[in-house]
Amino acid sequence: MVIAGGLALLAICLLMGWRASRTNRLAGFARAARLFLPGWFLAAAINLWFGVSRGHTFAQEVPVFVVVFAIPAAVAAVIWWRVSLR
């Protein structure tokens, strides 16, 4: 569910970047994907903290954090990379 939330947040960021950029829509996509990454890192870190505070060990939560962060971040990085090539 957290990964799906991250992908939905990425879609919202991309839509906002597209709408905010009047002259170059692709640059808006690239900027939105780039700005999504630190925000998503923070959200994934909060999810890690939540898991640790609910009784899991840090060692148990780190692999979850990596997967939760990596999938939406990889999608954002691919979008950023593909749009920047144009």
PDB file of N, CA and C in Angstrom:
ATOM      1  N   MET A   1       0.818  -1.192   0.000  1.00  0.00           N
ATOM      2  CA  MET A   1       0.000   0.000   0.000  1.00  0.00           C
ATOM      3  C   MET A   1       0.867   1.264   0.000  1.00  0.00           C
ATOM      4  N   VAL A   2       1.993   1.190   0.704  1.00  0.00           N
ATOM      5  CA  VAL A   2       2.862   2.361   0.762  1.00  0.00           C
ATOM      6  C   VAL A   2       3.480   2.628  -0.607  1.00  0.00           C
ATOM      7  N   ILE A   3       3.861   1.575  -1.302  1.00  0.00           N
ATOM      8  CA  ILE A   3       4.445   1.728  -2.642  1.00  0.00           C
ATOM      9  C   ILE A   3       3.403   2.321  -3.592  1.00  0.00           C
ATOM     10  N   ALA A   4       2.182   1.821  -3.518  1.00  0.00           N
ATOM     11  CA  ALA A   4       1.113   2.374  -4.359  1.00  0.00           C
ATOM     12  C   ALA A   4       0.867   3.844  -4.023  1.00  0.00           C
ATOM     13  N   GLY A   5       0.949   4.178  -2.749  1.00  0.00           N
ATOM     14  CA  GLY A   5       0.821   5.582  -2.348  1.00  0.00           C
ATOM     15  C   GLY A   5       1.944   6.432  -2.915  1.00  0.00           C
ATOM     16  N   GLY A   6       3.149   5.875  -2.947  1.00  0.00           N
ATOM     17  CA  GLY A   6       4.281   6.599  -3.532  1.00  0.00           C
ATOM     18  C   GLY A   6       4.107   6.832  -5.017  1.00  0.00           C
ATOM     19  N   LEU A   7       3.606   5.817  -5.708  1.00  0.00           N
ATOM     20  CA  LEU A   7       3.371   5.980  -7.142  1.00  0.00           C
ATOM     21  C   LEU A   7       2.254   6.985  -7.407  1.00  0.00           C
ATOM     22  N   ALA A   8       1.237   6.975  -6.556  1.00  0.00           N
ATOM     23  CA  ALA A   8       0.163   7.969  -6.692  1.00  0.00           C
ATOM     24  C   ALA A   8       0.686   9.377  -6.412  1.00  0.00           C
ATOM     25  N   LEU A   9       1.541   9.501  -5.403  1.00  0.00           N
ATOM     26  CA  LEU A   9       2.145  10.796  -5.111  1.00  0.00           C
ATOM     27  C   LEU A   9       3.019  11.267  -6.265  1.00  0.00           C
ATOM     28  N   LEU A  10       3.743  10.356  -6.881  1.00  0.00           N
ATOM     29  CA  LEU A  10       4.546  10.707  -8.052  1.00  0.00           C
ATOM     30  C   LEU A  10       3.657  11.206  -9.183  1.00  0.00           C
ATOM     31  N   ALA A  11       2.549  10.534  -9.408  1.00  0.00           N
ATOM     32  CA  ALA A  11       1.626  10.959 -10.463  1.00  0.00           C
ATOM     33  C   ALA A  11       1.088  12.362 -10.177  1.00  0.00           C
ATOM     34  N   ILE A  12       0.768  12.633  -8.931  1.00  0.00           N
ATOM     35  CA  ILE A  12       0.280  13.968  -8.560  1.00  0.00           C
ATOM     36  C   ILE A  12       1.370  15.012  -8.780  1.00  0.00           C
ATOM     37  N   CYS A  13       2.604  14.680  -8.382  1.00  0.00           N
ATOM     38  CA  CYS A  13       3.724  15.609  -8.597  1.00  0.00           C
ATOM     39  C   CYS A  13       3.944  15.869 -10.086  1.00  0.00           C
ATOM     40  N   LEU A  14       3.875  14.822 -10.894  1.00  0.00           N
ATOM     41  CA  LEU A  14       4.058  14.998 -12.336  1.00  0.00           C
ATOM     42  C   LEU A  14       2.957  15.866 -12.932  1.00  0.00           C
ATOM     43  N   LEU A  15       1.742  15.651 -12.489  1.00  0.00           N
ATOM     44  CA  LEU A  15       0.631  16.470 -12.975  1.00  0.00           C
ATOM     45  C   LEU A  15       0.820  17.929 -12.573  1.00  0.00           C
ATOM     46  N   MET A  16       1.255  18.155 -11.346  1.00  0.00           N
ATOM     47  CA  MET A  16       1.487  19.529 -10.904  1.00  0.00           C
ATOM     48  C   MET A  16       2.646  20.157 -11.675  1.00  0.00           C
ATOM     49  N   GLY A  17       3.694  19.392 -11.957  1.00  0.00           N
ATOM     50  CA  GLY A  17       4.809  19.906 -12.749  1.00  0.00           C
ATOM     51  C   GLY A  17       4.400  20.225 -14.170  1.00  0.00           C
ATOM     52  N   TRP A  18       3.550  19.391 -14.724  1.00  0.00           N
ATOM     53  CA  TRP A  18       3.054  19.615 -16.086  1.00  0.00           C
ATOM     54  C   TRP A  18       2.192  20.870 -16.141  1.00  0.00           C
ATOM     55  N   ARG A  19       1.345  21.031 -15.132  1.00  0.00           N
ATOM     56  CA  ARG A  19       0.450  22.190 -15.109  1.00  0.00           C
ATOM     57  C   ARG A  19       1.187  23.481 -14.803  1.00  0.00           C
ATOM     58  N   ALA A  20       2.235  23.414 -13.972  1.00  0.00           N
ATOM     59  CA  ALA A  20       2.953  24.622 -13.566  1.00  0.00           C
ATOM     60  C   ALA A  20       3.851  25.161 -14.666  1.00  0.00           C
ATOM     61  N   SER A  21       4.310  24.302 -15.545  1.00  0.00           N
ATOM     62  CA  SER A  21       5.235  24.726 -16.590  1.00  0.00           C
ATOM     63  C   SER A  21       4.442  25.063 -17.841  1.00  0.00           C
ATOM     64  N   ARG A  22       4.311  26.320 -18.126  1.00  0.00           N
ATOM     65  CA  ARG A  22       3.514  26.771 -19.275  1.00  0.00           C
ATOM     66  C   ARG A  22       4.270  26.645 -20.597  1.00  0.00           C
ATOM     67  N   THR A  23       5.568  26.904 -20.577  1.00  0.00           N
ATOM     68  CA  THR A  23       6.304  26.953 -21.844  1.00  0.00           C
ATOM     69  C   THR A  23       6.888  25.613 -22.252  1.00  0.00           C
ATOM     70  N   ASN A  24       7.391  24.845 -21.287  1.00  0.00           N
ATOM     71  CA  ASN A  24       8.026  23.570 -21.608  1.00  0.00           C
ATOM     72  C   ASN A  24       7.494  22.498 -20.660  1.00  0.00           C
ATOM     73  N   ARG A  25       6.505  21.768 -21.136  1.00  0.00           N
ATOM     74  CA  ARG A  25       5.846  20.762 -20.291  1.00  0.00           C
ATOM     75  C   ARG A  25       6.805  19.644 -19.877  1.00  0.00           C
ATOM     76  N   LEU A  26       7.726  19.249 -20.758  1.00  0.00           N
ATOM     77  CA  LEU A  26       8.665  18.184 -20.426  1.00  0.00           C
ATOM     78  C   LEU A  26       9.627  18.620 -19.322  1.00  0.00           C
ATOM     79  N   ALA A  27      10.023  19.884 -19.321  1.00  0.00           N
ATOM     80  CA  ALA A  27      10.874  20.387 -18.250  1.00  0.00           C
ATOM     81  C   ALA A  27      10.115  20.350 -16.914  1.00  0.00           C
ATOM     82  N   GLY A  28       8.835  20.602 -16.960  1.00  0.00           N
ATOM     83  CA  GLY A  28       8.014  20.496 -15.753  1.00  0.00           C
ATOM     84  C   GLY A  28       7.962  19.078 -15.226  1.00  0.00           C
ATOM     85  N   PHE A  29       7.853  18.100 -16.129  1.00  0.00           N
ATOM     86  CA  PHE A  29       7.907  16.690 -15.730  1.00  0.00           C
ATOM     87  C   PHE A  29       9.239  16.373 -15.064  1.00  0.00           C
ATOM     88  N   ALA A  30      10.333  16.795 -15.694  1.00  0.00           N
ATOM     89  CA  ALA A  30      11.659  16.502 -15.161  1.00  0.00           C
ATOM     90  C   ALA A  30      11.849  17.139 -13.794  1.00  0.00           C
ATOM     91  N   ARG A  31      11.419  18.370 -13.642  1.00  0.00           N
ATOM     92  CA  ARG A  31      11.552  19.060 -12.358  1.00  0.00           C
ATOM     93  C   ARG A  31      10.713  18.368 -11.292  1.00  0.00           C
ATOM     94  N   ALA A  32       9.510  17.978 -11.636  1.00  0.00           N
ATOM     95  CA  ALA A  32       8.635  17.316 -10.668  1.00  0.00           C
ATOM     96  C   ALA A  32       9.213  15.976 -10.230  1.00  0.00           C
ATOM     97  N   ALA A  33       9.745  15.205 -11.169  1.00  0.00           N
ATOM     98  CA  ALA A  33      10.353  13.920 -10.817  1.00  0.00           C
ATOM     99  C   ALA A  33      11.579  14.122  -9.935  1.00  0.00           C
ATOM    100  N   ARG A  34      12.376  15.138 -10.240  1.00  0.00           N
ATOM    101  CA  ARG A  34      13.571  15.420  -9.450  1.00  0.00           C
ATOM    102  C   ARG A  34      13.201  15.868  -8.038  1.00  0.00           C
ATOM    103  N   LEU A  35      12.172  16.685  -7.905  1.00  0.00           N
ATOM    104  CA  LEU A  35      11.759  17.169  -6.595  1.00  0.00           C
ATOM    105  C   LEU A  35      11.010  16.107  -5.788  1.00  0.00           C
ATOM    106  N   PHE A  36      10.450  15.117  -6.455  1.00  0.00           N
ATOM    107  CA  PHE A  36       9.753  14.035  -5.775  1.00  0.00           C
ATOM    108  C   PHE A  36      10.712  13.191  -4.937  1.00  0.00           C
ATOM    109  N   LEU A  37      11.930  13.007  -5.413  1.00  0.00           N
ATOM    110  CA  LEU A  37      12.858  12.069  -4.780  1.00  0.00           C
ATOM    111  C   LEU A  37      13.168  12.384  -3.312  1.00  0.00           C
ATOM    112  N   PRO A  38      13.570  13.602  -2.954  1.00  0.00           N
ATOM    113  CA  PRO A  38      13.834  13.831  -1.520  1.00  0.00           C
ATOM    114  C   PRO A  38      12.581  13.745  -0.656  1.00  0.00           C
ATOM    115  N   GLY A  39      11.455  14.174  -1.191  1.00  0.00           N
ATOM    116  CA  GLY A  39      10.207  14.066  -0.437  1.00  0.00           C
ATOM    117  C   GLY A  39       9.814  12.622  -0.189  1.00  0.00           C
ATOM    118  N   TRP A  40      10.014  11.787  -1.203  1.00  0.00           N
ATOM    119  CA  TRP A  40       9.681  10.380  -1.042  1.00  0.00           C
ATOM    120  C   TRP A  40      10.664   9.690  -0.096  1.00  0.00           C
ATOM    121  N   PHE A  41      11.925  10.112  -0.121  1.00  0.00           N
ATOM    122  CA  PHE A  41      12.890   9.563   0.836  1.00  0.00           C
ATOM    123  C   PHE A  41      12.435   9.860   2.262  1.00  0.00           C
ATOM    124  N   LEU A  42      11.990  11.076   2.494  1.00  0.00           N
ATOM    125  CA  LEU A  42      11.500  11.446   3.822  1.00  0.00           C
ATOM    126  C   LEU A  42      10.266  10.625   4.203  1.00  0.00           C
ATOM    127  N   ALA A  43       9.349  10.438   3.276  1.00  0.00           N
ATOM    128  CA  ALA A  43       8.146   9.652   3.559  1.00  0.00           C
ATOM    129  C   ALA A  43       8.503   8.192   3.855  1.00  0.00           C
ATOM    130  N   ALA A  44       9.442   7.626   3.106  1.00  0.00           N
ATOM    131  CA  ALA A  44       9.869   6.254   3.361  1.00  0.00           C
ATOM    132  C   ALA A  44      10.585   6.144   4.706  1.00  0.00           C
ATOM    133  N   ALA A  45      11.349   7.174   5.075  1.00  0.00           N
ATOM    134  CA  ALA A  45      12.021   7.173   6.376  1.00  0.00           C
ATOM    135  C   ALA A  45      11.006   7.251   7.515  1.00  0.00           C
ATOM    136  N   ILE A  46       9.946   8.002   7.320  1.00  0.00           N
ATOM    137  CA  ILE A  46       8.882   8.050   8.328  1.00  0.00           C
ATOM    138  C   ILE A  46       8.225   6.688   8.449  1.00  0.00           C
ATOM    139  N   ASN A  47       8.027   6.007   7.326  1.00  0.00           N
ATOM    140  CA  ASN A  47       7.483   4.655   7.356  1.00  0.00           C
ATOM    141  C   ASN A  47       8.422   3.708   8.106  1.00  0.00           C
ATOM    142  N   LEU A  48       9.724   3.866   7.927  1.00  0.00           N
ATOM    143  CA  LEU A  48      10.713   3.072   8.649  1.00  0.00           C
ATOM    144  C   LEU A  48      10.597   3.335  10.149  1.00  0.00           C
ATOM    145  N   TRP A  49      10.536   4.596  10.532  1.00  0.00           N
ATOM    146  CA  TRP A  49      10.402   4.942  11.936  1.00  0.00           C
ATOM    147  C   TRP A  49       9.121   4.362  12.525  1.00  0.00           C
ATOM    148  N   PHE A  50       8.038   4.437  11.761  1.00  0.00           N
ATOM    149  CA  PHE A  50       6.760   3.895  12.225  1.00  0.00           C
ATOM    150  C   PHE A  50       6.875   2.393  12.487  1.00  0.00           C
ATOM    151  N   GLY A  51       7.533   1.668  11.597  1.00  0.00           N
ATOM    152  CA  GLY A  51       7.714   0.228  11.785  1.00  0.00           C
ATOM    153  C   GLY A  51       8.567  -0.092  12.992  1.00  0.00           C
ATOM    154  N   VAL A  52       9.624   0.683  13.210  1.00  0.00           N
ATOM    155  CA  VAL A  52      10.487   0.458  14.364  1.00  0.00           C
ATOM    156  C   VAL A  52       9.752   0.792  15.656  1.00  0.00           C
ATOM    157  N   SER A  53       8.952   1.844  15.634  1.00  0.00           N
ATOM    158  CA  SER A  53       8.224   2.223  16.845  1.00  0.00           C
ATOM    159  C   SER A  53       7.101   1.237  17.174  1.00  0.00           C
ATOM    160  N   ARG A  54       6.693   0.434  16.207  1.00  0.00           N
ATOM    161  CA  ARG A  54       5.632  -0.550  16.433  1.00  0.00           C
ATOM    162  C   ARG A  54       6.172  -1.935  16.801  1.00  0.00           C
ATOM    163  N   GLY A  55       7.471  -2.032  17.076  1.00  0.00           N
ATOM    164  CA  GLY A  55       7.989  -3.289  17.601  1.00  0.00           C
ATOM    165  C   GLY A  55       8.960  -4.038  16.708  1.00  0.00           C
ATOM    166  N   HIS A  56       9.110  -3.644  15.446  1.00  0.00           N
ATOM    167  CA  HIS A  56      10.086  -4.290  14.585  1.00  0.00           C
ATOM    168  C   HIS A  56      11.463  -3.716  14.879  1.00  0.00           C
ATOM    169  N   THR A  57      12.488  -4.518  14.624  1.00  0.00           N
ATOM    170  CA  THR A  57      13.840  -4.010  14.810  1.00  0.00           C
ATOM    171  C   THR A  57      14.246  -3.196  13.587  1.00  0.00           C
ATOM    172  N   PHE A  58      15.276  -2.383  13.779  1.00  0.00           N
ATOM    173  CA  PHE A  58      15.796  -1.585  12.671  1.00  0.00           C
ATOM    174  C   PHE A  58      16.283  -2.490  11.548  1.00  0.00           C
ATOM    175  N   ALA A  59      16.930  -3.588  11.907  1.00  0.00           N
ATOM    176  CA  ALA A  59      17.439  -4.531  10.904  1.00  0.00           C
ATOM    177  C   ALA A  59      16.296  -5.165  10.110  1.00  0.00           C
ATOM    178  N   GLN A  60      15.166  -5.364  10.717  1.00  0.00           N
ATOM    179  CA  GLN A  60      14.011  -5.906   9.998  1.00  0.00           C
ATOM    180  C   GLN A  60      13.392  -4.873   9.073  1.00  0.00           C
ATOM    181  N   GLU A  61      13.431  -3.630   9.453  1.00  0.00           N
ATOM    182  CA  GLU A  61      12.770  -2.578   8.689  1.00  0.00           C
ATOM    183  C   GLU A  61      13.606  -2.015   7.546  1.00  0.00           C
ATOM    184  N   VAL A  62      14.921  -2.143   7.611  1.00  0.00           N
ATOM    185  CA  VAL A  62      15.767  -1.573   6.555  1.00  0.00           C
ATOM    186  C   VAL A  62      15.470  -2.176   5.181  1.00  0.00           C
ATOM    187  N   PRO A  63      15.342  -3.509   5.036  1.00  0.00           N
ATOM    188  CA  PRO A  63      14.992  -4.031   3.700  1.00  0.00           C
ATOM    189  C   PRO A  63      13.635  -3.532   3.202  1.00  0.00           C
ATOM    190  N   VAL A  64      12.696  -3.372   4.109  1.00  0.00           N
ATOM    191  CA  VAL A  64      11.380  -2.831   3.734  1.00  0.00           C
ATOM    192  C   VAL A  64      11.545  -1.394   3.259  1.00  0.00           C
ATOM    193  N   PHE A  65      12.347  -0.619   3.979  1.00  0.00           N
ATOM    194  CA  PHE A  65      12.606   0.767   3.593  1.00  0.00           C
ATOM    195  C   PHE A  65      13.206   0.835   2.194  1.00  0.00           C
ATOM    196  N   VAL A  66      14.168  -0.025   1.925  1.00  0.00           N
ATOM    197  CA  VAL A  66      14.830  -0.008   0.615  1.00  0.00           C
ATOM    198  C   VAL A  66      13.828  -0.281  -0.498  1.00  0.00           C
ATOM    199  N   VAL A  67      12.984  -1.268  -0.319  1.00  0.00           N
ATOM    200  CA  VAL A  67      12.000  -1.601  -1.357  1.00  0.00           C
ATOM    201  C   VAL A  67      10.959  -0.497  -1.487  1.00  0.00           C
ATOM    202  N   VAL A  68      10.472  -0.005  -0.351  1.00  0.00           N
ATOM    203  CA  VAL A  68       9.449   1.048  -0.367  1.00  0.00           C
ATOM    204  C   VAL A  68       9.986   2.304  -1.049  1.00  0.00           C
ATOM    205  N   PHE A  69      11.232   2.653  -0.774  1.00  0.00           N
ATOM    206  CA  PHE A  69      11.809   3.842  -1.402  1.00  0.00           C
ATOM    207  C   PHE A  69      12.181   3.582  -2.854  1.00  0.00           C
ATOM    208  N   ALA A  70      12.771   2.429  -3.137  1.00  0.00           N
ATOM    209  CA  ALA A  70      13.388   2.190  -4.438  1.00  0.00           C
ATOM    210  C   ALA A  70      12.394   2.111  -5.595  1.00  0.00           C
ATOM    211  N   ILE A  71      11.258   1.517  -5.402  1.00  0.00           N
ATOM    212  CA  ILE A  71      10.345   1.315  -6.540  1.00  0.00           C
ATOM    213  C   ILE A  71       9.801   2.654  -7.054  1.00  0.00           C
ATOM    214  N   PRO A  72       9.164   3.486  -6.230  1.00  0.00           N
ATOM    215  CA  PRO A  72       8.729   4.785  -6.761  1.00  0.00           C
ATOM    216  C   PRO A  72       9.896   5.686  -7.182  1.00  0.00           C
ATOM    217  N   ALA A  73      11.015   5.598  -6.467  1.00  0.00           N
ATOM    218  CA  ALA A  73      12.180   6.409  -6.836  1.00  0.00           C
ATOM    219  C   ALA A  73      12.737   5.982  -8.181  1.00  0.00           C
ATOM    220  N   ALA A  74      12.733   4.688  -8.462  1.00  0.00           N
ATOM    221  CA  ALA A  74      13.216   4.215  -9.761  1.00  0.00           C
ATOM    222  C   ALA A  74      12.300   4.687 -10.888  1.00  0.00           C
ATOM    223  N   VAL A  75      11.011   4.658 -10.657  1.00  0.00           N
ATOM    224  CA  VAL A  75      10.070   5.156 -11.669  1.00  0.00           C
ATOM    225  C   VAL A  75      10.307   6.646 -11.907  1.00  0.00           C
ATOM    226  N   ALA A  76      10.484   7.407 -10.826  1.00  0.00           N
ATOM    227  CA  ALA A  76      10.749   8.844 -10.962  1.00  0.00           C
ATOM    228  C   ALA A  76      12.070   9.085 -11.681  1.00  0.00           C
ATOM    229  N   ALA A  77      13.096   8.297 -11.364  1.00  0.00           N
ATOM    230  CA  ALA A  77      14.401   8.468 -12.008  1.00  0.00           C
ATOM    231  C   ALA A  77      14.332   8.144 -13.495  1.00  0.00           C
ATOM    232  N   VAL A  78      13.591   7.124 -13.861  1.00  0.00           N
ATOM    233  CA  VAL A  78      13.445   6.776 -15.279  1.00  0.00           C
ATOM    234  C   VAL A  78      12.691   7.882 -16.018  1.00  0.00           C
ATOM    235  N   ILE A  79      11.643   8.410 -15.414  1.00  0.00           N
ATOM    236  CA  ILE A  79      10.909   9.517 -16.042  1.00  0.00           C
ATOM    237  C   ILE A  79      11.818  10.724 -16.198  1.00  0.00           C
ATOM    238  N   TRP A  80      12.553  11.063 -15.153  1.00  0.00           N
ATOM    239  CA  TRP A  80      13.477  12.194 -15.192  1.00  0.00           C
ATOM    240  C   TRP A  80      14.509  11.991 -16.286  1.00  0.00           C
ATOM    241  N   TRP A  81      15.069  10.795 -16.376  1.00  0.00           N
ATOM    242  CA  TRP A  81      16.088  10.484 -17.368  1.00  0.00           C
ATOM    243  C   TRP A  81      15.513  10.549 -18.790  1.00  0.00           C
ATOM    244  N   ARG A  82      14.362   9.926 -19.003  1.00  0.00           N
ATOM    245  CA  ARG A  82      13.755   9.878 -20.334  1.00  0.00           C
ATOM    246  C   ARG A  82      13.335  11.276 -20.815  1.00  0.00           C
ATOM    247  N   VAL A  83      12.802  12.065 -19.926  1.00  0.00           N
ATOM    248  CA  VAL A  83      12.333  13.397 -20.300  1.00  0.00           C
ATOM    249  C   VAL A  83      13.531  14.324 -20.528  1.00  0.00           C
ATOM    250  N   SER A  84      14.600  14.127 -19.766  1.00  0.00           N
ATOM    251  CA  SER A  84      15.782  14.976 -19.922  1.00  0.00           C
ATOM    252  C   SER A  84      16.502  14.721 -21.232  1.00  0.00           C
ATOM    253  N   LEU A  85      16.301  13.579 -21.858  1.00  0.00           N
ATOM    254  CA  LEU A  85      16.948  13.269 -23.125  1.00  0.00           C
ATOM    255  C   LEU A  85      16.349  14.052 -24.281  1.00  0.00           C
ATOM    256  N   ARG A  86      15.165  14.554 -24.129  1.00  0.00           N
ATOM    257  CA  ARG A  86      14.466  15.235 -25.232  1.00  0.00           C
ATOM    258  C   ARG A  86      14.855  16.681 -25.329  1.00  0.00           C
TER     259      ARG A  86
END
